[in-house]
Amino acid sequence: MMESDPPSGGSARERILGDWYEKNYSLIAASADGSFFSRYMHRALERRHGPTESYSHVLEVGANRGEHLEFVRHGFDEYLLTDLGTPEVDPSVLADPRIKFGVCDVTALPYADSTFDRVISTCVLHHVDSPLQAALEMRRVTRSGGVVSVLMPTDPGLAYRVGKAVTSGRKARGLGLGPQHDLVSALDHRNHFRSIRTQLMHVFREDTPEITWYPWRVPSVETNAFVVFQARVRRAG
């Protein structure tokens, strides 16, 4: 999910968002951990991947607390959870020696070219300073034949905005947090869907990129809540 903002210091935006997510996200957001919508999104990202597949080295950027990990069905030898801060995960995750942790920014990944067989991003690109640079970095560290999987909401599409208004917005108003919720919504998604989609399609233009729309398969920003973007990296030579 969203890359963790610093709890203190940083810009005014980072302080406001960090404070909001720490105090209110699990109470208000429709996509909070364990919610129906959260499970639906995570399962959608893994729909194409099953137990007969295996990706030896997997990188997840903006992993937050490792929420996506339990939905991964394919095999792996190593799964690297990364975020701007060390992910705080369930103790059961710590018991798996295949799970590793890293602190990094998706726009400047500290890994060598062609390191990973799969790179995963869930609800990250709306938040970063440069989706283009993030996409370039994700492609750079993916091996030829490897897969990049990106889940992103269709904000500011109509379905997304209406859904947010009647879920997290309604809960926030009921708790007297309407103005704070509106401010966070204004600051949170600094990049809009159409822009991110165009940048992804450019970076992965040689990799047969595909977009699957949810909940309706008809390609429409206004009637869908999120998409799954996937590309299999091809390198010359």
C-alpha atoms as a PDB file:
ATOM      1  CA  MET A   1       0.000   0.000   0.000  1.00  0.00           C
ATOM      2  CA  MET A   2       1.065   3.597   0.472  1.00  0.00           C
ATOM      3  CA  GLU A   3       4.724   4.054   1.344  1.00  0.00           C
ATOM      4  CA  SER A   4       5.030   4.981   5.015  1.00  0.00           C
ATOM      5  CA  ASP A   5       5.512   8.678   5.707  1.00  0.00           C
ATOM      6  CA  PRO A   6       7.990   9.767   8.379  1.00  0.00           C
ATOM      7  CA  PRO A   7       6.323  10.075  11.802  1.00  0.00           C
ATOM      8  CA  SER A   8       8.134  13.335  12.509  1.00  0.00           C
ATOM      9  CA  GLY A   9      10.133  15.913  10.587  1.00  0.00           C
ATOM     10  CA  GLY A  10       9.787  16.183   6.826  1.00  0.00           C
ATOM     11  CA  SER A  11       7.408  18.483   4.993  1.00  0.00           C
ATOM     12  CA  ALA A  12       4.070  19.761   6.279  1.00  0.00           C
ATOM     13  CA  ARG A  13       2.372  17.340   3.873  1.00  0.00           C
ATOM     14  CA  GLU A  14       4.312  14.375   5.278  1.00  0.00           C
ATOM     15  CA  ARG A  15       3.524  15.362   8.873  1.00  0.00           C
ATOM     16  CA  ILE A  16      -0.209  15.773   8.179  1.00  0.00           C
ATOM     17  CA  LEU A  17      -0.477  12.489   6.268  1.00  0.00           C
ATOM     18  CA  GLY A  18       1.685  10.568   8.719  1.00  0.00           C
ATOM     19  CA  ASP A  19      -0.400  11.733  11.665  1.00  0.00           C
ATOM     20  CA  TRP A  20      -3.677  11.006   9.873  1.00  0.00           C
ATOM     21  CA  TYR A  21      -2.739   7.477   8.786  1.00  0.00           C
ATOM     22  CA  GLU A  22      -1.413   6.568  12.207  1.00  0.00           C
ATOM     23  CA  LYS A  23      -4.529   7.731  14.040  1.00  0.00           C
ATOM     24  CA  ASN A  24      -7.439   7.274  11.655  1.00  0.00           C
ATOM     25  CA  TYR A  25      -6.742   5.078   8.623  1.00  0.00           C
ATOM     26  CA  SER A  26      -7.825   1.747  10.132  1.00  0.00           C
ATOM     27  CA  LEU A  27     -11.016   3.353  11.481  1.00  0.00           C
ATOM     28  CA  ILE A  28     -12.113   5.156   8.348  1.00  0.00           C
ATOM     29  CA  ALA A  29     -10.609   3.904   5.077  1.00  0.00           C
ATOM     30  CA  ALA A  30     -12.596   1.405   3.002  1.00  0.00           C
ATOM     31  CA  SER A  31      -9.286  -0.172   1.973  1.00  0.00           C
ATOM     32  CA  ALA A  32      -8.002  -0.533   5.545  1.00  0.00           C
ATOM     33  CA  ASP A  33      -6.300  -3.800   6.453  1.00  0.00           C
ATOM     34  CA  GLY A  34      -8.691  -6.733   6.524  1.00  0.00           C
ATOM     35  CA  SER A  35     -11.640  -4.908   4.944  1.00  0.00           C
ATOM     36  CA  PHE A  36     -13.615  -6.494   2.108  1.00  0.00           C
ATOM     37  CA  PHE A  37     -12.306  -3.946  -0.391  1.00  0.00           C
ATOM     38  CA  SER A  38      -8.715  -4.413   0.743  1.00  0.00           C
ATOM     39  CA  ARG A  39      -8.931  -8.196   0.275  1.00  0.00           C
ATOM     40  CA  TYR A  40     -10.638  -7.730  -3.088  1.00  0.00           C
ATOM     41  CA  MET A  41      -7.815  -5.504  -4.363  1.00  0.00           C
ATOM     42  CA  HIS A  42      -5.020  -7.768  -3.150  1.00  0.00           C
ATOM     43  CA  ARG A  43      -6.671 -10.844  -4.671  1.00  0.00           C
ATOM     44  CA  ALA A  44      -7.173  -9.026  -7.962  1.00  0.00           C
ATOM     45  CA  LEU A  45      -3.452  -8.296  -8.192  1.00  0.00           C
ATOM     46  CA  GLU A  46      -2.679 -12.015  -7.798  1.00  0.00           C
ATOM     47  CA  ARG A  47      -5.463 -13.326 -10.029  1.00  0.00           C
ATOM     48  CA  ARG A  48      -3.041 -14.213 -12.844  1.00  0.00           C
ATOM     49  CA  HIS A  49      -0.563 -15.980 -10.589  1.00  0.00           C
ATOM     50  CA  GLY A  50      -1.060 -19.398  -9.039  1.00  0.00           C
ATOM     51  CA  PRO A  51       0.685 -22.184  -7.133  1.00  0.00           C
ATOM     52  CA  THR A  52       2.116 -23.723 -10.314  1.00  0.00           C
ATOM     53  CA  GLU A  53       4.268 -20.617 -10.841  1.00  0.00           C
ATOM     54  CA  SER A  54       7.446 -19.571  -9.075  1.00  0.00           C
ATOM     55  CA  TYR A  55       9.350 -16.282  -9.051  1.00  0.00           C
ATOM     56  CA  SER A  56      12.661 -16.790  -7.294  1.00  0.00           C
ATOM     57  CA  HIS A  57      13.323 -13.212  -6.153  1.00  0.00           C
ATOM     58  CA  VAL A  58      10.382 -10.883  -5.512  1.00  0.00           C
ATOM     59  CA  LEU A  59      10.496  -7.190  -4.605  1.00  0.00           C
ATOM     60  CA  GLU A  60       7.524  -5.323  -3.172  1.00  0.00           C
ATOM     61  CA  VAL A  61       7.810  -1.538  -3.011  1.00  0.00           C
ATOM     62  CA  GLY A  62       5.708   0.535  -0.633  1.00  0.00           C
ATOM     63  CA  ALA A  63       4.933  -2.660   1.271  1.00  0.00           C
ATOM     64  CA  ASN A  64       3.636  -0.858   4.390  1.00  0.00           C
ATOM     65  CA  ARG A  65       3.003  -3.674   6.920  1.00  0.00           C
ATOM     66  CA  GLY A  66       3.289  -6.497   4.401  1.00  0.00           C
ATOM     67  CA  GLU A  67      -0.481  -6.776   3.915  1.00  0.00           C
ATOM     68  CA  HIS A  68      -0.165  -8.096   0.388  1.00  0.00           C
ATOM     69  CA  LEU A  69       2.091 -11.017   1.244  1.00  0.00           C
ATOM     70  CA  GLU A  70      -0.667 -13.362   2.420  1.00  0.00           C
ATOM     71  CA  PHE A  71      -2.369 -13.108  -0.973  1.00  0.00           C
ATOM     72  CA  VAL A  72       0.682 -14.198  -2.985  1.00  0.00           C
ATOM     73  CA  ARG A  73      -0.047 -17.696  -4.291  1.00  0.00           C
ATOM     74  CA  HIS A  74       3.043 -18.425  -6.387  1.00  0.00           C
ATOM     75  CA  GLY A  75       6.265 -19.882  -5.048  1.00  0.00           C
ATOM     76  CA  PHE A  76       9.362 -17.797  -4.268  1.00  0.00           C
ATOM     77  CA  ASP A  77      12.801 -18.218  -2.741  1.00  0.00           C
ATOM     78  CA  GLU A  78      13.059 -14.673  -1.398  1.00  0.00           C
ATOM     79  CA  TYR A  79      10.459 -11.947  -0.905  1.00  0.00           C
ATOM     80  CA  LEU A  80      11.848  -8.481  -0.151  1.00  0.00           C
ATOM     81  CA  LEU A  81       9.458  -6.103   1.628  1.00  0.00           C
ATOM     82  CA  THR A  82      10.535  -2.463   1.259  1.00  0.00           C
ATOM     83  CA  ASP A  83       9.212   0.946   2.215  1.00  0.00           C
ATOM     84  CA  LEU A  84      10.489   4.367   3.264  1.00  0.00           C
ATOM     85  CA  GLY A  85      10.723   2.929   6.776  1.00  0.00           C
ATOM     86  CA  THR A  86      11.229  -0.631   7.958  1.00  0.00           C
ATOM     87  CA  PRO A  87       7.856  -2.414   7.530  1.00  0.00           C
ATOM     88  CA  GLU A  88       6.172  -3.410  10.795  1.00  0.00           C
ATOM     89  CA  VAL A  89       4.899  -6.905  10.090  1.00  0.00           C
ATOM     90  CA  ASP A  90       3.041  -9.699  11.845  1.00  0.00           C
ATOM     91  CA  PRO A  91       5.322 -11.976  13.919  1.00  0.00           C
ATOM     92  CA  SER A  92       4.402 -14.919  11.687  1.00  0.00           C
ATOM     93  CA  VAL A  93       6.072 -13.136   8.778  1.00  0.00           C
ATOM     94  CA  LEU A  94       9.277 -12.731  10.765  1.00  0.00           C
ATOM     95  CA  ALA A  95       9.372 -16.493  11.259  1.00  0.00           C
ATOM     96  CA  ASP A  96       9.688 -17.124   7.507  1.00  0.00           C
ATOM     97  CA  PRO A  97      13.408 -17.012   6.573  1.00  0.00           C
ATOM     98  CA  ARG A  98      12.509 -16.263   2.956  1.00  0.00           C
ATOM     99  CA  ILE A  99      11.092 -12.846   3.909  1.00  0.00           C
ATOM    100  CA  LYS A 100      13.631 -10.024   3.896  1.00  0.00           C
ATOM    101  CA  PHE A 101      13.273  -6.310   4.609  1.00  0.00           C
ATOM    102  CA  GLY A 102      14.682  -3.152   3.087  1.00  0.00           C
ATOM    103  CA  VAL A 103      14.366   0.617   3.446  1.00  0.00           C
ATOM    104  CA  CYS A 104      14.313   2.481   0.156  1.00  0.00           C
ATOM    105  CA  ASP A 105      12.510   4.935  -2.114  1.00  0.00           C
ATOM    106  CA  VAL A 106      10.911   3.400  -5.212  1.00  0.00           C
ATOM    107  CA  THR A 107      12.204   6.325  -7.288  1.00  0.00           C
ATOM    108  CA  ALA A 108      15.820   5.442  -6.369  1.00  0.00           C
ATOM    109  CA  LEU A 109      16.029   1.702  -5.710  1.00  0.00           C
ATOM    110  CA  PRO A 110      19.421   0.601  -4.276  1.00  0.00           C
ATOM    111  CA  TYR A 111      19.485  -2.648  -6.260  1.00  0.00           C
ATOM    112  CA  ALA A 112      21.448  -3.722  -9.305  1.00  0.00           C
ATOM    113  CA  ASP A 113      19.916  -3.978 -12.757  1.00  0.00           C
ATOM    114  CA  SER A 114      17.995  -7.189 -13.490  1.00  0.00           C
ATOM    115  CA  THR A 115      17.893  -8.395  -9.864  1.00  0.00           C
ATOM    116  CA  PHE A 116      14.269  -9.507  -9.411  1.00  0.00           C
ATOM    117  CA  ASP A 117      11.900 -11.910 -11.137  1.00  0.00           C
ATOM    118  CA  ARG A 118       8.821 -10.012 -10.023  1.00  0.00           C
ATOM    119  CA  VAL A 119       8.253  -6.470  -8.739  1.00  0.00           C
ATOM    120  CA  ILE A 120       4.976  -5.594  -6.976  1.00  0.00           C
ATOM    121  CA  SER A 121       3.457  -2.189  -6.227  1.00  0.00           C
ATOM    122  CA  THR A 122       0.077  -1.678  -4.551  1.00  0.00           C
ATOM    123  CA  CYS A 123      -1.426   1.826  -4.367  1.00  0.00           C
ATOM    124  CA  VAL A 124       1.954   3.584  -4.411  1.00  0.00           C
ATOM    125  CA  LEU A 125       2.279   5.604  -7.621  1.00  0.00           C
ATOM    126  CA  HIS A 126      -0.383   8.172  -6.716  1.00  0.00           C
ATOM    127  CA  HIS A 127       1.826   9.262  -3.809  1.00  0.00           C
ATOM    128  CA  VAL A 128       5.360   9.543  -5.199  1.00  0.00           C
ATOM    129  CA  ASP A 129       7.033  12.652  -6.560  1.00  0.00           C
ATOM    130  CA  SER A 130       7.723  11.040  -9.953  1.00  0.00           C
ATOM    131  CA  PRO A 131       5.698   8.051 -11.202  1.00  0.00           C
ATOM    132  CA  LEU A 132       7.864   8.073 -14.330  1.00  0.00           C
ATOM    133  CA  GLN A 133      11.067   7.614 -12.311  1.00  0.00           C
ATOM    134  CA  ALA A 134       9.411   4.970 -10.145  1.00  0.00           C
ATOM    135  CA  ALA A 135       8.354   3.024 -13.241  1.00  0.00           C
ATOM    136  CA  LEU A 136      11.840   3.302 -14.745  1.00  0.00           C
ATOM    137  CA  GLU A 137      13.362   1.981 -11.521  1.00  0.00           C
ATOM    138  CA  MET A 138      10.933  -0.927 -11.253  1.00  0.00           C
ATOM    139  CA  ARG A 139      11.693  -1.941 -14.829  1.00  0.00           C
ATOM    140  CA  ARG A 140      15.444  -1.500 -14.359  1.00  0.00           C
ATOM    141  CA  VAL A 141      15.661  -3.960 -11.464  1.00  0.00           C
ATOM    142  CA  THR A 142      13.458  -6.577 -13.174  1.00  0.00           C
ATOM    143  CA  ARG A 143      15.125  -9.391 -15.085  1.00  0.00           C
ATOM    144  CA  SER A 144      14.320 -10.113 -18.711  1.00  0.00           C
ATOM    145  CA  GLY A 145      11.202 -12.281 -18.648  1.00  0.00           C
ATOM    146  CA  GLY A 146      10.297 -10.991 -15.193  1.00  0.00           C
ATOM    147  CA  VAL A 147       6.972  -9.404 -14.321  1.00  0.00           C
ATOM    148  CA  VAL A 148       6.066  -5.972 -12.968  1.00  0.00           C
ATOM    149  CA  SER A 149       2.630  -5.866 -11.278  1.00  0.00           C
ATOM    150  CA  VAL A 150       1.052  -2.540 -10.311  1.00  0.00           C
ATOM    151  CA  LEU A 151      -2.300  -1.928  -8.619  1.00  0.00           C
ATOM    152  CA  MET A 152      -3.619   1.632  -8.658  1.00  0.00           C
ATOM    153  CA  PRO A 153      -6.970   3.346  -8.024  1.00  0.00           C
ATOM    154  CA  THR A 154      -8.684   5.273 -10.812  1.00  0.00           C
ATOM    155  CA  ASP A 155      -8.694   8.534  -8.839  1.00  0.00           C
ATOM    156  CA  PRO A 156     -10.180  11.009  -9.813  1.00  0.00           C
ATOM    157  CA  GLY A 157     -12.633   8.838 -11.751  1.00  0.00           C
ATOM    158  CA  LEU A 158     -16.314   9.101 -10.854  1.00  0.00           C
ATOM    159  CA  ALA A 159     -16.671   5.588  -9.391  1.00  0.00           C
ATOM    160  CA  TYR A 160     -13.614   6.064  -7.207  1.00  0.00           C
ATOM    161  CA  ARG A 161     -14.744   9.472  -5.937  1.00  0.00           C
ATOM    162  CA  VAL A 162     -18.302   8.340  -5.227  1.00  0.00           C
ATOM    163  CA  GLY A 163     -17.053   5.186  -3.521  1.00  0.00           C
ATOM    164  CA  LYS A 164     -14.709   7.176  -1.328  1.00  0.00           C
ATOM    165  CA  ALA A 165     -17.400   9.696  -0.442  1.00  0.00           C
ATOM    166  CA  VAL A 166     -19.874   7.048   0.749  1.00  0.00           C
ATOM    167  CA  THR A 167     -17.287   4.944   2.610  1.00  0.00           C
ATOM    168  CA  SER A 168     -14.327   6.708   4.197  1.00  0.00           C
ATOM    169  CA  GLY A 169     -15.845  10.173   3.689  1.00  0.00           C
ATOM    170  CA  ARG A 170     -19.095   9.176   5.369  1.00  0.00           C
ATOM    171  CA  LYS A 171     -17.272   7.531   8.292  1.00  0.00           C
ATOM    172  CA  ALA A 172     -15.061  10.593   8.713  1.00  0.00           C
ATOM    173  CA  ARG A 173     -18.054  12.933   8.822  1.00  0.00           C
ATOM    174  CA  GLY A 174     -19.755  10.684  11.360  1.00  0.00           C
ATOM    175  CA  LEU A 175     -16.695  10.950  13.601  1.00  0.00           C
ATOM    176  CA  GLY A 176     -16.475  14.717  13.183  1.00  0.00           C
ATOM    177  CA  LEU A 177     -13.359  14.386  11.018  1.00  0.00           C
ATOM    178  CA  GLY A 178     -14.836  15.541   7.722  1.00  0.00           C
ATOM    179  CA  PRO A 179     -12.551  18.570   7.174  1.00  0.00           C
ATOM    180  CA  GLN A 180      -9.447  16.540   8.076  1.00  0.00           C
ATOM    181  CA  HIS A 181     -10.490  13.779   5.686  1.00  0.00           C
ATOM    182  CA  ASP A 182     -11.015  16.306   2.903  1.00  0.00           C
ATOM    183  CA  LEU A 183      -7.562  17.792   3.485  1.00  0.00           C
ATOM    184  CA  VAL A 184      -5.893  14.389   3.487  1.00  0.00           C
ATOM    185  CA  SER A 185      -7.735  13.448   0.284  1.00  0.00           C
ATOM    186  CA  ALA A 186      -6.480  16.635  -1.348  1.00  0.00           C
ATOM    187  CA  LEU A 187      -2.871  16.005  -0.293  1.00  0.00           C
ATOM    188  CA  ASP A 188      -2.750  12.240  -0.579  1.00  0.00           C
ATOM    189  CA  HIS A 189      -3.014  11.438  -4.300  1.00  0.00           C
ATOM    190  CA  ARG A 190      -0.721  14.009  -5.849  1.00  0.00           C
ATOM    191  CA  ASN A 191      -0.781  12.202  -9.235  1.00  0.00           C
ATOM    192  CA  HIS A 192      -3.952  11.387 -11.169  1.00  0.00           C
ATOM    193  CA  PHE A 193      -4.707   8.046 -12.796  1.00  0.00           C
ATOM    194  CA  ARG A 194      -4.617   9.077 -16.451  1.00  0.00           C
ATOM    195  CA  SER A 195      -1.180  10.614 -16.010  1.00  0.00           C
ATOM    196  CA  ILE A 196       0.216   7.550 -14.226  1.00  0.00           C
ATOM    197  CA  ARG A 197      -1.249   5.202 -16.842  1.00  0.00           C
ATOM    198  CA  THR A 198       0.358   7.178 -19.670  1.00  0.00           C
ATOM    199  CA  GLN A 199       3.738   7.131 -17.926  1.00  0.00           C
ATOM    200  CA  LEU A 200       3.555   3.375 -17.261  1.00  0.00           C
ATOM    201  CA  MET A 201       2.570   2.617 -20.839  1.00  0.00           C
ATOM    202  CA  HIS A 202       5.544   4.653 -22.053  1.00  0.00           C
ATOM    203  CA  VAL A 203       8.119   3.010 -19.793  1.00  0.00           C
ATOM    204  CA  PHE A 204       6.853  -0.527 -20.524  1.00  0.00           C
ATOM    205  CA  ARG A 205       5.976   0.076 -24.189  1.00  0.00           C
ATOM    206  CA  GLU A 206       8.256  -2.790 -25.337  1.00  0.00           C
ATOM    207  CA  ASP A 207       6.945  -5.224 -22.716  1.00  0.00           C
ATOM    208  CA  THR A 208       3.381  -5.902 -23.937  1.00  0.00           C
ATOM    209  CA  PRO A 209       1.754  -4.043 -21.021  1.00  0.00           C
ATOM    210  CA  GLU A 210      -1.814  -4.979 -20.083  1.00  0.00           C
ATOM    211  CA  ILE A 211      -4.423  -3.275 -17.926  1.00  0.00           C
ATOM    212  CA  THR A 212      -7.326  -5.092 -16.251  1.00  0.00           C
ATOM    213  CA  TRP A 213     -10.160  -2.957 -14.905  1.00  0.00           C
ATOM    214  CA  TYR A 214     -12.105  -3.619 -11.678  1.00  0.00           C
ATOM    215  CA  PRO A 215     -14.868  -4.250 -10.820  1.00  0.00           C
ATOM    216  CA  TRP A 216     -16.059  -4.003 -14.433  1.00  0.00           C
ATOM    217  CA  ARG A 217     -13.835  -5.265 -17.224  1.00  0.00           C
ATOM    218  CA  VAL A 218     -14.944  -2.531 -19.624  1.00  0.00           C
ATOM    219  CA  PRO A 219     -12.070  -0.013 -19.861  1.00  0.00           C
ATOM    220  CA  SER A 220     -13.544   3.093 -18.262  1.00  0.00           C
ATOM    221  CA  VAL A 221     -11.977   5.433 -15.738  1.00  0.00           C
ATOM    222  CA  GLU A 222     -15.380   6.685 -14.627  1.00  0.00           C
ATOM    223  CA  THR A 223     -17.040   3.323 -13.871  1.00  0.00           C
ATOM    224  CA  ASN A 224     -14.143   1.382 -12.292  1.00  0.00           C
ATOM    225  CA  ALA A 225     -12.488   1.753  -8.885  1.00  0.00           C
ATOM    226  CA  PHE A 226      -8.990   0.458  -9.675  1.00  0.00           C
ATOM    227  CA  VAL A 227      -6.854  -1.309 -12.263  1.00  0.00           C
ATOM    228  CA  VAL A 228      -4.136  -3.939 -12.333  1.00  0.00           C
ATOM    229  CA  PHE A 229      -1.269  -3.113 -14.696  1.00  0.00           C
ATOM    230  CA  GLN A 230       1.124  -5.886 -15.647  1.00  0.00           C
ATOM    231  CA  ALA A 231       4.092  -6.106 -17.988  1.00  0.00           C
ATOM    232  CA  ARG A 232       6.628  -8.856 -18.741  1.00  0.00           C
ATOM    233  CA  VAL A 233       9.974  -7.185 -19.228  1.00  0.00           C
ATOM    234  CA  ARG A 234      11.812  -7.785 -22.474  1.00  0.00           C
ATOM    235  CA  ARG A 235      15.430  -6.815 -22.920  1.00  0.00           C
ATOM    236  CA  ALA A 236      17.444  -6.736 -26.107  1.00  0.00           C
ATOM    237  CA  GLY A 237      20.278  -9.207 -26.557  1.00  0.00           C
END
